[in-house]
Protein backbone atom coordinates (compact mmCIF):
# COMPACT_ATOMS: atom_id res chain seq x y z
CA MET A 1 -18.43 27.79 -9.49
CA ASN A 2 -18.91 25.85 -12.85
CA ARG A 3 -16.38 24.17 -14.91
CA SER A 4 -15.50 26.69 -16.99
CA GLU A 5 -14.85 29.12 -14.10
CA LEU A 6 -12.97 26.41 -12.26
CA GLY A 7 -10.84 25.83 -15.24
CA ALA A 8 -10.16 29.73 -15.50
CA ALA A 9 -9.03 29.99 -11.97
CA LEU A 10 -6.75 26.95 -12.17
CA ARG A 11 -5.10 28.68 -15.23
CA ALA A 12 -4.76 31.95 -13.51
CA LEU A 13 -3.57 30.44 -10.38
CA ARG A 14 -0.71 28.69 -12.54
CA GLN A 15 0.01 31.73 -14.44
CA SER A 16 0.67 33.90 -11.37
CA SER A 17 3.07 31.11 -10.04
CA GLY A 18 5.13 31.47 -13.08
CA THR A 19 4.93 27.66 -13.68
CA GLU A 20 4.59 26.34 -17.09
CA ALA A 21 1.73 24.13 -17.96
CA LYS A 22 4.17 21.17 -19.13
CA THR A 23 5.69 21.48 -15.61
CA VAL A 24 2.34 21.06 -13.91
CA ALA A 25 1.06 18.48 -16.10
CA ARG A 26 4.03 16.37 -15.64
CA SER A 27 4.00 16.79 -11.92
CA ALA A 28 0.21 16.09 -11.75
CA VAL A 29 0.55 12.89 -13.70
CA MET A 30 -1.48 14.03 -16.61
CA SER A 31 -0.78 15.18 -20.10
CA ALA A 32 -0.57 18.65 -21.35
CA SER A 33 -3.47 18.20 -23.25
CA LYS A 34 -5.54 17.33 -20.40
CA LEU A 35 -4.33 20.21 -18.52
CA SER A 36 -5.30 22.42 -21.29
CA LYS A 37 -8.75 20.98 -21.68
CA ILE A 38 -9.19 21.66 -17.86
CA GLU A 39 -7.86 25.11 -17.88
CA THR A 40 -10.30 25.77 -21.07
CA GLY A 41 -13.28 24.24 -19.51
CA LYS A 42 -13.41 21.64 -21.89
CA LEU A 43 -12.96 18.60 -19.30
CA SER A 44 -14.57 18.40 -16.20
CA PRO A 45 -11.71 17.58 -13.52
CA SER A 46 -11.77 15.18 -10.66
CA ALA A 47 -11.15 16.41 -7.32
CA ASP A 48 -8.08 14.46 -7.51
CA ASP A 49 -6.87 16.12 -10.82
CA VAL A 50 -7.41 19.28 -9.09
CA ASP A 51 -5.74 18.53 -5.73
CA ARG A 52 -2.65 17.24 -7.77
CA ILE A 53 -2.90 20.45 -10.05
CA LEU A 54 -2.87 22.89 -6.73
CA THR A 55 0.14 20.73 -5.04
CA SER A 56 2.20 21.32 -8.25
CA ILE A 57 1.63 24.97 -8.60
CA GLY A 58 2.37 25.20 -4.70
CA VAL A 59 -0.58 26.92 -3.29
CA SER A 60 -1.10 27.78 0.16
CA GLU A 61 -3.43 25.25 2.06
CA ALA A 62 -6.12 27.84 2.97
CA VAL A 63 -6.24 28.51 -0.96
CA LYS A 64 -6.12 24.59 -1.82
CA ALA A 65 -9.11 24.05 0.73
CA GLU A 66 -11.12 26.74 -0.91
CA TYR A 67 -10.70 25.23 -4.48
CA MET A 68 -11.27 21.59 -3.54
CA GLU A 69 -14.63 22.67 -2.11
CA ALA A 70 -15.31 24.22 -5.32
CA ALA A 71 -13.91 20.93 -7.03
CA ARG A 72 -15.90 18.42 -5.12
CA ALA A 73 -19.03 20.54 -5.92
CA VAL A 74 -18.17 20.40 -9.82
CA ALA A 75 -17.10 16.97 -9.79
CA THR A 76 -19.21 14.24 -9.66
CA GLU A 77 -18.24 12.62 -13.23
CA ALA A 78 -18.64 9.56 -15.20
CA THR A 79 -16.03 8.49 -17.66
CA ALA A 80 -17.16 5.75 -20.32
CA TRP A 81 -14.88 2.84 -20.12
CA ARG A 82 -14.59 3.17 -24.16
CA LEU A 83 -12.74 6.56 -23.65
CA ILE A 84 -10.50 5.21 -20.80
CA GLN A 85 -9.90 2.00 -23.34
CA ARG A 86 -8.95 4.40 -26.12
CA ALA A 87 -6.55 6.50 -24.02
CA GLY A 88 -4.67 3.42 -22.87
CA LEU A 89 -5.55 1.09 -20.10
CA HIS A 90 -2.24 1.25 -18.90
CA LYS A 91 -2.28 4.88 -18.69
CA ALA A 92 -5.24 4.56 -16.33
CA GLN A 93 -3.43 2.30 -14.27
CA LYS A 94 -0.39 4.94 -13.90
CA GLN A 95 -2.82 7.37 -13.21
CA LEU A 96 -4.20 5.26 -9.92
CA GLN A 97 -1.06 4.31 -9.00
CA ALA A 98 -0.57 7.97 -8.57
CA VAL A 99 -3.44 8.44 -6.23
CA GLU A 100 -2.56 5.15 -4.19
CA ALA A 101 0.91 6.62 -3.73
CA ASP A 102 -0.52 9.61 -1.71
CA MET A 103 -3.37 7.73 0.05
CA ARG A 104 -3.49 6.08 3.52
CA LEU A 105 -6.59 4.35 3.72
CA LEU A 106 -8.30 2.22 0.95
CA ARG A 107 -11.74 0.65 1.08
CA VAL A 108 -12.56 -1.78 -1.56
CA PHE A 109 -15.75 -3.65 -1.94
CA GLN A 110 -16.16 -6.14 -4.72
CA PRO A 111 -19.17 -8.28 -5.74
CA ALA A 112 -18.09 -9.34 -8.99
CA LEU A 113 -14.18 -9.75 -9.59
CA VAL A 114 -11.35 -10.05 -7.57
CA PRO A 115 -9.90 -6.47 -6.88
CA GLY A 116 -7.28 -5.46 -9.34
CA LEU A 117 -4.62 -4.83 -6.43
CA LEU A 118 -5.08 -8.26 -5.35
CA GLN A 119 -5.09 -10.25 -8.75
CA THR A 120 -2.45 -12.78 -10.31
CA PRO A 121 -0.97 -11.77 -13.50
CA GLU A 122 -2.80 -15.06 -15.05
CA TYR A 123 -6.15 -13.97 -13.51
CA MET A 124 -5.67 -10.55 -15.06
CA LYS A 125 -4.60 -12.21 -18.70
CA ALA A 126 -8.12 -14.00 -18.62
CA ILE A 127 -10.35 -11.03 -17.43
CA LEU A 128 -8.44 -8.69 -19.87
CA SER A 129 -8.47 -11.25 -22.76
CA ARG A 130 -12.05 -11.48 -22.71
CA HIS A 131 -12.14 -8.01 -24.23
CA GLY A 132 -12.08 -9.00 -28.06
CA ASP A 133 -11.09 -5.23 -29.06
CA LEU A 134 -7.77 -5.17 -26.78
CA THR A 135 -4.54 -6.20 -28.66
CA ASP A 136 -2.29 -8.59 -27.26
CA GLU A 137 0.29 -5.43 -26.54
CA SER A 138 -2.59 -3.45 -24.76
CA VAL A 139 -3.14 -6.68 -22.22
CA ARG A 140 0.69 -6.85 -21.55
CA ARG A 141 1.01 -3.26 -20.88
CA THR A 142 -2.12 -3.28 -18.66
CA ILE A 143 -0.75 -6.18 -16.88
CA SER A 144 2.83 -4.72 -16.33
CA ALA A 145 1.14 -1.45 -14.98
CA ARG A 146 -1.16 -3.25 -12.83
CA LEU A 147 1.55 -5.54 -11.38
CA GLU A 148 3.54 -2.02 -10.60
CA ARG A 149 0.61 -0.71 -8.74
CA GLN A 150 0.21 -3.67 -6.52
CA GLU A 151 3.79 -2.33 -4.97
CA VAL A 152 1.40 -0.63 -2.48
CA LEU A 153 0.24 -3.56 -1.06
CA TYR A 154 3.89 -4.08 0.97
CA ASP A 155 3.73 -0.06 2.33
CA LYS A 156 3.12 -0.35 5.90
CA ARG A 157 2.19 2.95 6.04
CA LYS A 158 -1.35 2.20 4.59
CA ASN A 159 -4.32 0.52 5.60
CA LEU A 160 -5.91 -1.37 2.94
CA ARG A 161 -9.21 -3.07 3.41
CA PHE A 162 -10.97 -5.40 1.04
CA VAL A 163 -14.37 -6.66 1.37
CA ILE A 164 -15.71 -9.38 -1.31
CA THR A 165 -18.84 -11.30 -1.74
CA GLU A 166 -18.25 -15.31 -1.55
CA PRO A 167 -19.80 -15.42 -5.36
CA VAL A 168 -16.44 -13.90 -6.53
CA LEU A 169 -14.48 -16.56 -5.59
CA ARG A 170 -16.91 -19.17 -7.01
CA TRP A 171 -17.82 -17.47 -10.23
CA LEU A 172 -15.99 -19.27 -12.65
CA ILE A 173 -15.33 -16.56 -15.37
CA VAL A 174 -11.81 -18.11 -15.62
CA PRO A 175 -10.92 -21.78 -15.51
CA PRO A 176 -10.75 -23.59 -12.27
CA PRO A 177 -6.65 -23.93 -12.09
CA VAL A 178 -6.45 -19.86 -12.66
CA MET A 179 -8.93 -19.44 -9.69
CA ALA A 180 -7.26 -21.61 -7.31
CA GLY A 181 -4.05 -20.03 -7.80
CA GLN A 182 -5.98 -16.44 -7.06
CA ILE A 183 -7.25 -17.80 -3.97
CA ASP A 184 -4.00 -18.90 -3.07
CA ARG A 185 -2.98 -15.53 -3.69
CA LEU A 186 -5.21 -14.26 -1.58
CA ILE A 187 -4.58 -16.33 1.34
CA SER A 188 -1.03 -15.13 1.02
CA LEU A 189 -1.84 -11.62 1.09
CA SER A 190 -4.38 -11.80 3.65
CA ARG A 191 -1.39 -12.32 6.23
CA LEU A 192 0.11 -8.91 5.56
CA PRO A 193 -0.19 -6.91 8.51
CA ASN A 194 -1.60 -3.96 7.01
CA ILE A 195 -4.32 -5.61 4.60
CA ASP A 196 -7.64 -6.48 6.15
CA MET A 197 -9.31 -8.80 3.95
CA ARG A 198 -13.06 -10.05 4.46
CA VAL A 199 -15.36 -12.27 2.86
CA VAL A 200 -19.32 -12.14 2.78
CA PRO A 201 -20.62 -15.63 2.80
CA LEU A 202 -23.45 -16.85 1.07
CA THR A 203 -24.90 -18.64 4.30
CA GLY A 204 -26.98 -16.42 6.87
CA ALA A 205 -29.48 -13.81 6.51
CA GLN A 206 -28.39 -10.74 4.25
CA ARG A 207 -28.44 -7.23 5.75
CA ASP A 208 -27.73 -5.11 2.50
CA ILE A 209 -27.56 -5.59 -1.33
CA PRO A 210 -24.04 -5.69 -3.07
CA ASN A 211 -25.47 -3.51 -6.11
CA HIS A 212 -22.16 -2.86 -7.44
CA ALA A 213 -18.17 -2.45 -7.01
CA PHE A 214 -16.81 0.51 -5.35
CA VAL A 215 -13.26 1.92 -4.28
CA ILE A 216 -13.23 4.62 -1.28
CA ARG A 217 -9.70 6.46 -1.12
CA ASP A 218 -9.24 8.41 2.31
CA ASP A 219 -12.89 9.47 2.70
CA ARG A 220 -12.31 11.93 -0.01
CA SER A 221 -13.39 10.20 -3.01
CA VAL A 222 -15.35 6.85 -4.50
CA ASN A 223 -15.01 5.34 -7.95
CA VAL A 224 -18.05 3.51 -8.73
CA GLU A 225 -17.81 0.71 -11.48
CA THR A 226 -20.57 0.65 -13.79
CA VAL A 227 -21.47 -1.37 -16.85
CA HIS A 228 -20.48 1.61 -19.14
CA ALA A 229 -18.48 3.90 -17.06
CA LYS A 230 -16.35 4.84 -14.12
CA VAL A 231 -18.08 7.23 -11.98
CA THR A 232 -16.27 9.25 -9.40
CA VAL A 233 -17.96 10.92 -6.47
CA THR A 234 -16.50 13.58 -4.35
CA ASP A 235 -19.27 15.33 -2.29
CA PRO A 236 -18.59 14.64 1.33
CA ARG A 237 -22.54 13.55 1.76
CA ASP A 238 -22.25 10.89 -0.99
CA VAL A 239 -18.82 9.62 -0.04
CA ALA A 240 -20.27 8.93 3.53
CA LEU A 241 -23.33 6.90 2.18
CA TYR A 242 -20.29 4.60 0.53
CA VAL A 243 -18.19 4.30 3.78
CA ALA A 244 -21.58 3.19 5.64
CA LYS A 245 -22.33 0.63 3.16
CA PHE A 246 -18.71 -0.64 3.22
CA ASP A 247 -18.60 -0.64 6.95
CA GLY A 248 -21.94 -2.59 7.15
CA PHE A 249 -20.55 -5.45 4.70
CA ALA A 250 -17.16 -5.65 6.54
CA GLU A 251 -19.06 -5.89 9.98
CA HIS A 252 -20.84 -9.25 8.91
CA ALA A 253 -17.88 -10.38 6.61
CA LEU A 254 -15.65 -13.42 7.68
CA ALA A 255 -12.21 -12.25 8.65
CA ASP A 256 -8.94 -13.36 10.54
CA ASP A 257 -9.50 -16.98 11.82
CA ALA A 258 -12.80 -17.41 10.18
CA LEU A 259 -11.36 -16.33 6.65
CA LYS A 260 -8.52 -18.99 5.79
CA PRO A 261 -11.06 -22.00 6.09
CA ILE A 262 -13.45 -20.57 3.34
CA LEU A 263 -10.70 -19.92 1.15
CA GLU A 264 -8.99 -22.80 1.55
CA GLY A 265 -12.39 -24.85 1.30
CA ILE A 266 -13.23 -23.22 -2.07
CA ARG A 267 -9.66 -23.61 -3.58
CA ASP A 268 -9.70 -27.24 -2.83
CA GLU A 269 -13.02 -27.62 -4.23
CA LEU A 270 -11.42 -25.89 -7.41
CA VAL A 271 -8.46 -28.35 -7.28
CA ARG A 272 -10.97 -31.51 -7.20
CA GLN A 273 -12.64 -29.93 -10.52
CA GLN A 274 -9.33 -29.77 -12.34
CA GLU A 275 -8.63 -33.15 -11.38
CA SER A 276 -11.99 -34.68 -12.15
CA ALA A 277 -12.30 -33.02 -15.69
């Protein structure tokens, strides 16, 4: 089944259910225009898109399983950041919020930035403001939407796991006071019972290469962040590769009682830098 065939099949399912397109689009957290493009084969849907469409239509679990298998075969997709930005970064945050509302397990590996769910407003603003083509209003709306996403951190039904590398904490792409405040935030969040936070230290032998950031949701999909695009991976064989990579870094990262000293130590270094500036 190719993209056009999948879209036509989804349209046929929706029409046979008697559900209007605008109703399905609203429930699936997408625009009516996007749903139309999916149904006409102009846009390749992600596995999450297909899952939400099928849930909205109300198909049986057997039918959903059949179409989800087809969707995963079709959907390893790359979406250019410029297109995401053009559509509105705040809208992308809303879409992620909807996906994260349904998930139970999240794994985030970040060798470059503090993960978005753990960022302070000041850190967010400093990062987003580096993009000269974003308006002040776009930055404000994106920060507001990301802060709403962070409500998931306090949902005890979810298992949230974060692995970051030590350079993330030392790379001064933001001023020392902002970074110090950000690390204080990490210390606070690491105490939450449903959050497992780990740091891969610079010292010691390295067992793998931290190629790029990626996010795994429920062993079902992976978002990979490249320079030009966000790549969505849904083939179970490929997802398994990312799970293994995450677990390898997590196994040799600092956690629990060993985590707090490194966070506090780097934070105190940043405070001293600011005081001596």
